Protein backbone atom coordinates (compact mmCIF):
# COMPACT_ATOMS: atom_id res chain seq x y z
CA MET A 1 -13.78 18.58 -65.61
CA LYS A 2 -11.14 16.12 -64.49
CA ALA A 3 -10.37 15.46 -60.83
CA LEU A 4 -7.80 13.29 -59.09
CA ARG A 5 -9.85 11.11 -56.71
CA PHE A 6 -9.70 8.17 -54.35
CA GLY A 7 -12.50 6.02 -52.94
CA ASN A 8 -10.54 3.93 -50.48
CA PHE A 9 -7.28 4.21 -48.58
CA GLY A 10 -4.04 2.57 -49.62
CA ASP A 11 -0.90 2.96 -51.65
CA VAL A 12 -1.01 6.22 -53.61
CA ALA A 13 -0.23 4.55 -56.95
CA SER A 14 -3.00 1.99 -56.55
CA VAL A 15 -5.88 4.10 -55.20
CA LEU A 16 -5.55 7.46 -56.97
CA HIS A 17 -7.33 7.80 -60.31
CA VAL A 18 -8.59 10.54 -62.59
CA GLU A 19 -12.37 10.91 -62.86
CA GLU A 20 -14.46 13.03 -65.18
CA LEU A 21 -16.87 15.05 -63.01
CA PRO A 22 -19.51 17.58 -63.93
CA THR A 23 -18.32 21.17 -63.67
CA PRO A 24 -20.00 22.58 -60.56
CA GLY A 25 -22.42 25.45 -60.73
CA LEU A 26 -21.02 28.52 -59.03
CA ALA A 27 -22.76 31.04 -56.79
CA PRO A 28 -22.07 34.70 -57.66
CA ASP A 29 -19.36 34.93 -54.97
CA GLU A 30 -17.57 31.65 -55.85
CA VAL A 31 -14.70 30.78 -58.18
CA LEU A 32 -13.49 27.57 -59.84
CA LEU A 33 -9.80 26.74 -59.37
CA GLU A 34 -7.48 24.82 -61.69
CA VAL A 35 -4.91 23.19 -59.41
CA HIS A 36 -1.27 23.27 -60.52
CA ALA A 37 0.40 21.91 -57.36
CA ALA A 38 -0.72 20.42 -54.04
CA ASN A 39 0.63 19.65 -50.58
CA PRO A 40 2.42 16.34 -49.91
CA ASN A 41 0.13 15.94 -46.86
CA ASP A 42 -2.47 14.73 -49.34
CA VAL A 43 -0.42 11.52 -49.54
CA ASN A 44 -1.15 10.94 -45.83
CA ASN A 45 -4.83 11.52 -46.56
CA VAL A 46 -4.84 8.94 -49.36
CA GLN A 47 -3.11 6.43 -47.08
CA GLY A 48 -5.78 6.91 -44.38
CA LYS A 49 -3.48 8.68 -41.92
CA MET A 50 -5.60 11.86 -41.60
CA LYS A 51 -8.43 12.15 -39.09
CA GLN A 52 -11.77 10.96 -40.51
CA PRO A 53 -11.66 12.04 -44.16
CA THR A 54 -14.86 11.51 -46.12
CA LEU A 55 -14.78 9.14 -49.11
CA PRO A 56 -14.79 9.40 -52.05
CA ARG A 57 -12.55 12.42 -51.94
CA THR A 58 -10.45 14.77 -54.05
CA PRO A 59 -7.10 15.57 -52.39
CA ASP A 60 -7.35 19.25 -51.53
CA ARG A 61 -4.90 20.60 -48.97
CA ASP A 62 -2.56 23.55 -49.67
CA LEU A 63 -2.84 24.48 -53.32
CA ALA A 64 -1.17 26.55 -56.01
CA ASP A 65 -3.87 27.26 -58.52
CA VAL A 66 -5.38 29.59 -61.10
CA ILE A 67 -8.95 30.92 -61.09
CA VAL A 68 -10.62 29.70 -64.29
CA ALA A 69 -14.30 30.60 -63.79
CA GLY A 70 -16.57 32.64 -61.57
CA ILE A 71 -15.95 36.24 -60.58
CA GLU A 72 -15.04 37.82 -63.91
CA GLU A 73 -12.36 40.24 -62.66
CA MET A 74 -10.55 37.39 -60.83
CA ILE A 75 -10.25 34.95 -63.76
CA GLY A 76 -6.59 34.26 -64.51
CA GLU A 77 -5.35 35.19 -61.03
CA GLU A 78 -2.82 32.81 -59.50
CA LYS A 79 -3.49 31.91 -55.86
CA LEU A 80 -1.86 30.03 -53.01
CA GLY A 81 -3.84 28.82 -50.04
CA LEU A 82 -5.93 26.28 -48.22
CA THR A 83 -9.20 25.08 -49.67
CA ARG A 84 -11.81 22.42 -49.09
CA SER A 85 -13.04 20.69 -52.17
CA MET A 86 -16.65 20.73 -53.26
CA TRP A 87 -16.10 17.10 -54.29
CA MET A 88 -15.82 15.41 -50.90
């Protein structure tokens, strides 16, 4: 799967990049989200303005996303909400 990542703080255009990551294994009560939109606060995170983020990191604040794997009856559902990435 592809993920937008950063490994150091700085200008958004210079530190953000797309990485190919292994698709995570899911527990029976977990789902995998495909992100369609994210919160502009992630820009502050990339610039190092948020309190103690862990690096490398996938920006992951408020999201608009679609469930693409996991709990069968939830696949295809569109969701809005806060999440913490598995890829911190």
